[in-house]
Amino acid sequence: MPLLSDTAIEKFRVLCNVQLAEGRRLLDVNIGRINADCAKRGLVHSGARLLMLDEAFAVAVADRAIQIWRDIVRVHRTYGNENAGGAAAEFKSLFEDTLQQTFAELDAKLREAQTLGGHNRFAMDAFQRALPHQLEKHFVEIDLYCEDSARSAMATDKQAPQSYNFYGTVGAVQTGANAVSNIAQSIGADEKERLKQALREVQAELTAAGTPAAAREDLDQVIEDSVTELDQPSTTVS
């Protein structure tokens, strides 16, 4: 099952389109600057202009690769599961498809820019190398991101406190660090009566044994409090 929902993918597409549109505008400005500079120097028909355009478009591929990956991360953090440990293949596919589409668009634009003035030669070495380089580079980034996400999720699970709920008669409970136990013990009516009877017998023994008044008063109070507690609907221990 994909980590990113259809809604998340749609948001990613919209985000990419907006930001890549800005990239197109900046690239047009750069192309105009290169052409103007070459025109001043009489280099419009030179190989130097072709090489400058080639380098400019190679940089554009790198810029778009960075932006696409940032958008994937942003959408994942907004819409996806926190643990992206198993999403490397999904992210790589989305990244590659989007960058391939952008590269095809840039390829057509570069060829058009280099034919200015009737040129029929192209210099595209740097541009052509940019695509496999950016794919390789960002695939490593994706692997690292997903591994880090999985480790963070695992660390969070380990730190989360464990809760235990017990219903019924419980003797003793021992739990580990950060654990919480909630014990609800229900004592039957017969058991309550036997406990109350035993407490009354203890109270009588204290009187018969000639326990000092001060001590007996304290013990009597404890017994009375215990009897009162037993008369409550239930006893809860945490």
C-alpha atoms as a PDB file:
ATOM      1  CA  MET A   1       0.000   0.000   0.000  1.00  0.00           C
ATOM      2  CA  PRO A   2       1.476   3.400  -0.992  1.00  0.00           C
ATOM      3  CA  LEU A   3       2.538   5.682   1.820  1.00  0.00           C
ATOM      4  CA  LEU A   4       1.281   8.796   0.030  1.00  0.00           C
ATOM      5  CA  SER A   5      -2.437   8.983  -0.690  1.00  0.00           C
ATOM      6  CA  ASP A   6      -3.953  10.293  -3.926  1.00  0.00           C
ATOM      7  CA  THR A   7      -4.633  13.570  -2.128  1.00  0.00           C
ATOM      8  CA  ALA A   8      -0.991  13.850  -1.103  1.00  0.00           C
ATOM      9  CA  ILE A   9       0.186  13.153  -4.664  1.00  0.00           C
ATOM     10  CA  GLU A  10      -2.180  15.794  -6.018  1.00  0.00           C
ATOM     11  CA  LYS A  11      -0.856  18.344  -3.521  1.00  0.00           C
ATOM     12  CA  PHE A  12       2.677  17.421  -4.573  1.00  0.00           C
ATOM     13  CA  ARG A  13       1.831  18.014  -8.244  1.00  0.00           C
ATOM     14  CA  VAL A  14       0.318  21.414  -7.515  1.00  0.00           C
ATOM     15  CA  LEU A  15       3.263  22.438  -5.340  1.00  0.00           C
ATOM     16  CA  CYS A  16       5.760  21.334  -7.995  1.00  0.00           C
ATOM     17  CA  ASN A  17       3.960  23.144 -10.798  1.00  0.00           C
ATOM     18  CA  VAL A  18       3.949  26.416  -8.892  1.00  0.00           C
ATOM     19  CA  GLN A  19       7.614  26.240  -7.959  1.00  0.00           C
ATOM     20  CA  LEU A  20       8.826  24.924 -11.308  1.00  0.00           C
ATOM     21  CA  ALA A  21       7.015  27.791 -13.024  1.00  0.00           C
ATOM     22  CA  GLU A  22       9.236  30.164 -11.072  1.00  0.00           C
ATOM     23  CA  GLY A  23      12.236  28.108 -12.212  1.00  0.00           C
ATOM     24  CA  ARG A  24      11.183  28.551 -15.837  1.00  0.00           C
ATOM     25  CA  ARG A  25      11.014  32.306 -15.407  1.00  0.00           C
ATOM     26  CA  LEU A  26      14.493  32.460 -13.894  1.00  0.00           C
ATOM     27  CA  LEU A  27      15.870  30.253 -16.672  1.00  0.00           C
ATOM     28  CA  ASP A  28      14.396  32.564 -19.321  1.00  0.00           C
ATOM     29  CA  VAL A  29      16.131  35.484 -17.636  1.00  0.00           C
ATOM     30  CA  ASN A  30      19.413  33.567 -17.662  1.00  0.00           C
ATOM     31  CA  ILE A  31      19.048  32.665 -21.347  1.00  0.00           C
ATOM     32  CA  GLY A  32      18.387  36.310 -22.198  1.00  0.00           C
ATOM     33  CA  ARG A  33      21.451  37.372 -20.222  1.00  0.00           C
ATOM     34  CA  ILE A  34      23.675  34.857 -22.040  1.00  0.00           C
ATOM     35  CA  ASN A  35      22.364  35.904 -25.456  1.00  0.00           C
ATOM     36  CA  ALA A  36      22.757  39.599 -24.696  1.00  0.00           C
ATOM     37  CA  ASP A  37      26.293  39.121 -23.415  1.00  0.00           C
ATOM     38  CA  CYS A  38      27.268  37.069 -26.468  1.00  0.00           C
ATOM     39  CA  ALA A  39      25.682  39.629 -28.814  1.00  0.00           C
ATOM     40  CA  LYS A  40      27.815  42.391 -27.301  1.00  0.00           C
ATOM     41  CA  ARG A  41      30.937  40.309 -27.899  1.00  0.00           C
ATOM     42  CA  GLY A  42      29.948  39.103 -31.337  1.00  0.00           C
ATOM     43  CA  LEU A  43      29.638  35.519 -30.109  1.00  0.00           C
ATOM     44  CA  VAL A  44      26.027  34.753 -31.000  1.00  0.00           C
ATOM     45  CA  HIS A  45      27.123  32.175 -33.583  1.00  0.00           C
ATOM     46  CA  SER A  46      30.012  30.832 -31.526  1.00  0.00           C
ATOM     47  CA  GLY A  47      30.464  27.545 -29.738  1.00  0.00           C
ATOM     48  CA  ALA A  48      31.039  29.524 -26.532  1.00  0.00           C
ATOM     49  CA  ARG A  49      27.369  30.531 -26.405  1.00  0.00           C
ATOM     50  CA  LEU A  50      26.309  26.929 -26.875  1.00  0.00           C
ATOM     51  CA  LEU A  51      28.552  25.816 -24.018  1.00  0.00           C
ATOM     52  CA  MET A  52      27.211  28.545 -21.717  1.00  0.00           C
ATOM     53  CA  LEU A  53      23.655  27.469 -22.479  1.00  0.00           C
ATOM     54  CA  ASP A  54      24.607  23.836 -21.914  1.00  0.00           C
ATOM     55  CA  GLU A  55      25.995  24.652 -18.458  1.00  0.00           C
ATOM     56  CA  ALA A  56      23.011  26.859 -17.584  1.00  0.00           C
ATOM     57  CA  PHE A  57      20.575  24.055 -18.377  1.00  0.00           C
ATOM     58  CA  ALA A  58      22.646  21.499 -16.453  1.00  0.00           C
ATOM     59  CA  VAL A  59      22.367  23.789 -13.422  1.00  0.00           C
ATOM     60  CA  ALA A  60      18.611  24.048 -14.056  1.00  0.00           C
ATOM     61  CA  VAL A  61      18.314  20.244 -13.876  1.00  0.00           C
ATOM     62  CA  ALA A  62      20.120  20.239 -10.518  1.00  0.00           C
ATOM     63  CA  ASP A  63      17.911  23.039  -9.177  1.00  0.00           C
ATOM     64  CA  ARG A  64      14.757  21.231 -10.201  1.00  0.00           C
ATOM     65  CA  ALA A  65      15.945  17.940  -8.709  1.00  0.00           C
ATOM     66  CA  ILE A  66      16.508  19.646  -5.361  1.00  0.00           C
ATOM     67  CA  GLN A  67      13.101  21.316  -5.514  1.00  0.00           C
ATOM     68  CA  ILE A  68      11.273  18.099  -6.432  1.00  0.00           C
ATOM     69  CA  TRP A  69      12.840  16.196  -3.535  1.00  0.00           C
ATOM     70  CA  ARG A  70      12.030  19.010  -1.102  1.00  0.00           C
ATOM     71  CA  ASP A  71       8.411  18.912  -2.234  1.00  0.00           C
ATOM     72  CA  ILE A  72       8.226  15.134  -1.706  1.00  0.00           C
ATOM     73  CA  VAL A  73       9.596  15.520   1.821  1.00  0.00           C
ATOM     74  CA  ARG A  74       7.215  18.372   2.575  1.00  0.00           C
ATOM     75  CA  VAL A  75       4.164  16.454   1.378  1.00  0.00           C
ATOM     76  CA  HIS A  76       5.236  13.311   3.242  1.00  0.00           C
ATOM     77  CA  ARG A  77       5.629  15.208   6.505  1.00  0.00           C
ATOM     78  CA  THR A  78       2.211  16.798   6.027  1.00  0.00           C
ATOM     79  CA  TYR A  79       0.160  13.866   4.730  1.00  0.00           C
ATOM     80  CA  GLY A  80       2.183  10.667   5.140  1.00  0.00           C
ATOM     81  CA  ASN A  81       2.854   8.202   7.909  1.00  0.00           C
ATOM     82  CA  GLU A  82       5.732   9.311  10.137  1.00  0.00           C
ATOM     83  CA  ASN A  83       7.580   6.066   9.465  1.00  0.00           C
ATOM     84  CA  ALA A  84       8.806   6.160   5.862  1.00  0.00           C
ATOM     85  CA  GLY A  85      11.087   3.169   6.337  1.00  0.00           C
ATOM     86  CA  GLY A  86       9.428   1.161   3.582  1.00  0.00           C
ATOM     87  CA  ALA A  87       8.747   4.017   1.170  1.00  0.00           C
ATOM     88  CA  ALA A  88      12.132   4.339  -0.571  1.00  0.00           C
ATOM     89  CA  ALA A  89      10.958   2.697  -3.805  1.00  0.00           C
ATOM     90  CA  GLU A  90       7.766   4.779  -3.836  1.00  0.00           C
ATOM     91  CA  PHE A  91       9.657   8.035  -3.307  1.00  0.00           C
ATOM     92  CA  LYS A  92      12.283   7.137  -5.939  1.00  0.00           C
ATOM     93  CA  SER A  93       9.599   6.381  -8.511  1.00  0.00           C
ATOM     94  CA  LEU A  94       7.799   9.661  -7.857  1.00  0.00           C
ATOM     95  CA  PHE A  95      11.064  11.609  -7.933  1.00  0.00           C
ATOM     96  CA  GLU A  96      12.315   9.981 -11.145  1.00  0.00           C
ATOM     97  CA  ASP A  97       9.018  10.368 -13.021  1.00  0.00           C
ATOM     98  CA  THR A  98       8.771  14.048 -12.113  1.00  0.00           C
ATOM     99  CA  LEU A  99      12.409  14.812 -12.927  1.00  0.00           C
ATOM    100  CA  GLN A 100      12.168  12.934 -16.252  1.00  0.00           C
ATOM    101  CA  GLN A 101       9.189  15.079 -17.261  1.00  0.00           C
ATOM    102  CA  THR A 102      11.052  18.234 -16.301  1.00  0.00           C
ATOM    103  CA  PHE A 103      14.174  17.078 -18.137  1.00  0.00           C
ATOM    104  CA  ALA A 104      12.201  16.480 -21.351  1.00  0.00           C
ATOM    105  CA  GLU A 105      10.801  19.996 -21.128  1.00  0.00           C
ATOM    106  CA  LEU A 106      14.272  21.461 -20.564  1.00  0.00           C
ATOM    107  CA  ASP A 107      15.715  19.408 -23.425  1.00  0.00           C
ATOM    108  CA  ALA A 108      13.272  20.940 -25.904  1.00  0.00           C
ATOM    109  CA  LYS A 109      13.915  24.412 -24.528  1.00  0.00           C
ATOM    110  CA  LEU A 110      17.705  24.036 -24.744  1.00  0.00           C
ATOM    111  CA  ARG A 111      17.534  22.885 -28.368  1.00  0.00           C
ATOM    112  CA  GLU A 112      15.360  25.863 -29.200  1.00  0.00           C
ATOM    113  CA  ALA A 113      17.738  28.274 -27.442  1.00  0.00           C
ATOM    114  CA  GLN A 114      20.787  26.872 -29.214  1.00  0.00           C
ATOM    115  CA  THR A 115      19.240  27.222 -32.695  1.00  0.00           C
ATOM    116  CA  LEU A 116      19.151  31.015 -32.358  1.00  0.00           C
ATOM    117  CA  GLY A 117      20.621  32.604 -35.484  1.00  0.00           C
ATOM    118  CA  GLY A 118      20.225  29.493 -37.609  1.00  0.00           C
ATOM    119  CA  HIS A 119      22.558  27.220 -35.656  1.00  0.00           C
ATOM    120  CA  ASN A 120      22.265  23.536 -36.460  1.00  0.00           C
ATOM    121  CA  ARG A 121      24.867  22.392 -33.911  1.00  0.00           C
ATOM    122  CA  PHE A 122      24.199  21.507 -30.303  1.00  0.00           C
ATOM    123  CA  ALA A 123      26.399  21.370 -27.204  1.00  0.00           C
ATOM    124  CA  MET A 124      24.551  19.312 -24.617  1.00  0.00           C
ATOM    125  CA  ASP A 125      27.140  17.168 -22.857  1.00  0.00           C
ATOM    126  CA  ALA A 126      26.800  18.777 -19.403  1.00  0.00           C
ATOM    127  CA  PHE A 127      23.022  18.831 -19.710  1.00  0.00           C
ATOM    128  CA  GLN A 128      22.790  15.157 -20.713  1.00  0.00           C
ATOM    129  CA  ARG A 129      25.045  14.093 -17.842  1.00  0.00           C
ATOM    130  CA  ALA A 130      22.962  16.038 -15.338  1.00  0.00           C
ATOM    131  CA  LEU A 131      19.971  13.673 -15.346  1.00  0.00           C
ATOM    132  CA  PRO A 132      21.711  10.393 -14.373  1.00  0.00           C
ATOM    133  CA  HIS A 133      23.894  12.284 -11.903  1.00  0.00           C
ATOM    134  CA  GLN A 134      20.912  13.851 -10.134  1.00  0.00           C
ATOM    135  CA  LEU A 135      19.028  10.551 -10.065  1.00  0.00           C
ATOM    136  CA  GLU A 136      21.977   8.752  -8.499  1.00  0.00           C
ATOM    137  CA  LYS A 137      22.591  11.550  -6.003  1.00  0.00           C
ATOM    138  CA  HIS A 138      18.987  11.863  -4.861  1.00  0.00           C
ATOM    139  CA  PHE A 139      18.390   8.126  -4.693  1.00  0.00           C
ATOM    140  CA  VAL A 140      21.065   8.072  -1.999  1.00  0.00           C
ATOM    141  CA  GLU A 141      19.317  10.987  -0.277  1.00  0.00           C
ATOM    142  CA  ILE A 142      16.024   9.100  -0.388  1.00  0.00           C
ATOM    143  CA  ASP A 143      17.569   5.961   1.114  1.00  0.00           C
ATOM    144  CA  LEU A 144      19.108   7.976   3.947  1.00  0.00           C
ATOM    145  CA  TYR A 145      15.862   9.845   4.600  1.00  0.00           C
ATOM    146  CA  CYS A 146      13.804   6.649   4.786  1.00  0.00           C
ATOM    147  CA  GLU A 147      16.341   4.888   7.013  1.00  0.00           C
ATOM    148  CA  ASP A 148      16.422   7.865   9.369  1.00  0.00           C
ATOM    149  CA  SER A 149      12.624   7.969   9.439  1.00  0.00           C
ATOM    150  CA  ALA A 150      12.458   4.275  10.370  1.00  0.00           C
ATOM    151  CA  ARG A 151      15.018   4.679  13.157  1.00  0.00           C
ATOM    152  CA  SER A 152      13.220   7.712  14.572  1.00  0.00           C
ATOM    153  CA  ALA A 153       9.917   5.833  14.606  1.00  0.00           C
ATOM    154  CA  MET A 154      11.568   2.862  16.333  1.00  0.00           C
ATOM    155  CA  ALA A 155      13.134   5.112  18.973  1.00  0.00           C
ATOM    156  CA  THR A 156       9.767   6.754  19.619  1.00  0.00           C
ATOM    157  CA  ASP A 157       8.118   3.345  20.080  1.00  0.00           C
ATOM    158  CA  LYS A 158      10.779   2.334  22.605  1.00  0.00           C
ATOM    159  CA  GLN A 159      10.315   5.519  24.629  1.00  0.00           C
ATOM    160  CA  ALA A 160       6.525   5.359  24.695  1.00  0.00           C
ATOM    161  CA  PRO A 161       5.184   4.336  28.123  1.00  0.00           C
ATOM    162  CA  GLN A 162       3.395   1.025  28.330  1.00  0.00           C
ATOM    163  CA  SER A 163       0.019   0.847  30.017  1.00  0.00           C
ATOM    164  CA  TYR A 164      -1.478  -2.236  31.609  1.00  0.00           C
ATOM    165  CA  ASN A 165      -5.104  -2.497  32.634  1.00  0.00           C
ATOM    166  CA  PHE A 166      -6.105  -5.306  34.967  1.00  0.00           C
ATOM    167  CA  TYR A 167      -9.674  -6.256  35.790  1.00  0.00           C
ATOM    168  CA  GLY A 168     -10.111  -8.856  38.475  1.00  0.00           C
ATOM    169  CA  THR A 169      -8.174 -10.064  41.474  1.00  0.00           C
ATOM    170  CA  VAL A 170      -4.484  -9.125  41.187  1.00  0.00           C
ATOM    171  CA  GLY A 171      -1.778  -9.994  43.663  1.00  0.00           C
ATOM    172  CA  ALA A 172       1.382  -8.142  42.645  1.00  0.00           C
ATOM    173  CA  VAL A 173       2.409  -6.396  39.426  1.00  0.00           C
ATOM    174  CA  GLN A 174       5.961  -5.466  38.412  1.00  0.00           C
ATOM    175  CA  THR A 175       6.478  -3.353  35.300  1.00  0.00           C
ATOM    176  CA  GLY A 176       9.484  -1.914  33.512  1.00  0.00           C
ATOM    177  CA  ALA A 177      10.692   1.642  33.128  1.00  0.00           C
ATOM    178  CA  ASN A 178       8.091   4.156  31.929  1.00  0.00           C
ATOM    179  CA  ALA A 179       5.300   1.614  32.454  1.00  0.00           C
ATOM    180  CA  VAL A 180       2.022   2.436  34.135  1.00  0.00           C
ATOM    181  CA  SER A 181      -0.383  -0.061  35.647  1.00  0.00           C
ATOM    182  CA  ASN A 182      -4.042   0.592  36.310  1.00  0.00           C
ATOM    183  CA  ILE A 183      -5.561  -2.117  38.495  1.00  0.00           C
ATOM    184  CA  ALA A 184      -9.262  -2.299  39.104  1.00  0.00           C
ATOM    185  CA  GLN A 185     -10.071  -4.934  41.717  1.00  0.00           C
ATOM    186  CA  SER A 186     -13.638  -5.960  42.385  1.00  0.00           C
ATOM    187  CA  ILE A 187     -14.291  -7.587  45.784  1.00  0.00           C
ATOM    188  CA  GLY A 188     -17.445  -9.616  46.157  1.00  0.00           C
ATOM    189  CA  ALA A 189     -20.036  -8.905  48.863  1.00  0.00           C
ATOM    190  CA  ASP A 190     -19.181 -12.087  50.798  1.00  0.00           C
ATOM    191  CA  GLU A 191     -15.481 -11.239  50.787  1.00  0.00           C
ATOM    192  CA  LYS A 192     -16.214  -7.748  52.035  1.00  0.00           C
ATOM    193  CA  GLU A 193     -18.257  -9.070  54.928  1.00  0.00           C
ATOM    194  CA  ARG A 194     -15.522 -11.521  55.921  1.00  0.00           C
ATOM    195  CA  LEU A 195     -12.927  -8.750  55.854  1.00  0.00           C
ATOM    196  CA  LYS A 196     -15.109  -6.470  57.921  1.00  0.00           C
ATOM    197  CA  GLN A 197     -15.722  -9.272  60.421  1.00  0.00           C
ATOM    198  CA  ALA A 198     -11.980  -9.907  60.676  1.00  0.00           C
ATOM    199  CA  LEU A 199     -11.340  -6.219  61.309  1.00  0.00           C
ATOM    200  CA  ARG A 200     -13.946  -6.147  64.060  1.00  0.00           C
ATOM    201  CA  GLU A 201     -12.310  -9.189  65.665  1.00  0.00           C
ATOM    202  CA  VAL A 202      -8.957  -7.428  65.605  1.00  0.00           C
ATOM    203  CA  GLN A 203     -10.574  -4.410  67.190  1.00  0.00           C
ATOM    204  CA  ALA A 204     -12.009  -6.594  69.955  1.00  0.00           C
ATOM    205  CA  GLU A 205      -8.647  -8.261  70.546  1.00  0.00           C
ATOM    206  CA  LEU A 206      -7.012  -4.864  70.959  1.00  0.00           C
ATOM    207  CA  THR A 207      -9.495  -3.945  73.640  1.00  0.00           C
ATOM    208  CA  ALA A 208      -9.172  -7.279  75.453  1.00  0.00           C
ATOM    209  CA  ALA A 209      -5.385  -7.139  75.359  1.00  0.00           C
ATOM    210  CA  GLY A 210      -5.336  -3.887  77.257  1.00  0.00           C
ATOM    211  CA  THR A 211      -3.651  -1.923  74.462  1.00  0.00           C
ATOM    212  CA  PRO A 212      -2.784   1.608  75.652  1.00  0.00           C
ATOM    213  CA  ALA A 213      -5.544   4.080  74.907  1.00  0.00           C
ATOM    214  CA  ALA A 214      -3.517   6.303  72.584  1.00  0.00           C
ATOM    215  CA  ALA A 215      -2.355   3.405  70.427  1.00  0.00           C
ATOM    216  CA  ARG A 216      -5.792   1.800  70.479  1.00  0.00           C
ATOM    217  CA  GLU A 217      -7.415   5.019  69.276  1.00  0.00           C
ATOM    218  CA  ASP A 218      -5.049   5.188  66.325  1.00  0.00           C
ATOM    219  CA  LEU A 219      -5.644   1.544  65.442  1.00  0.00           C
ATOM    220  CA  ASP A 220      -9.392   1.912  65.884  1.00  0.00           C
ATOM    221  CA  GLN A 221      -9.312   4.803  63.412  1.00  0.00           C
ATOM    222  CA  VAL A 222      -7.422   2.705  60.884  1.00  0.00           C
ATOM    223  CA  ILE A 223      -9.946  -0.108  61.272  1.00  0.00           C
ATOM    224  CA  GLU A 224     -12.906   2.253  60.921  1.00  0.00           C
ATOM    225  CA  ASP A 225     -11.368   3.801  57.788  1.00  0.00           C
ATOM    226  CA  SER A 226     -10.841   0.321  56.351  1.00  0.00           C
ATOM    227  CA  VAL A 227     -14.430  -0.667  57.025  1.00  0.00           C
ATOM    228  CA  THR A 228     -15.641   2.560  55.418  1.00  0.00           C
ATOM    229  CA  GLU A 229     -13.467   1.859  52.365  1.00  0.00           C
ATOM    230  CA  LEU A 230     -14.903  -1.644  52.074  1.00  0.00           C
ATOM    231  CA  ASP A 231     -18.390  -0.194  52.058  1.00  0.00           C
ATOM    232  CA  GLN A 232     -17.525   1.788  48.914  1.00  0.00           C
ATOM    233  CA  PRO A 233     -18.761   0.371  45.554  1.00  0.00           C
ATOM    234  CA  SER A 234     -15.254  -0.669  44.428  1.00  0.00           C
ATOM    235  CA  THR A 235     -11.614  -0.447  45.303  1.00  0.00           C
ATOM    236  CA  THR A 236      -9.122   0.876  42.764  1.00  0.00           C
ATOM    237  CA  VAL A 237      -5.387   0.590  43.118  1.00  0.00           C
ATOM    238  CA  SER A 238      -2.912   2.426  40.835  1.00  0.00           C
END
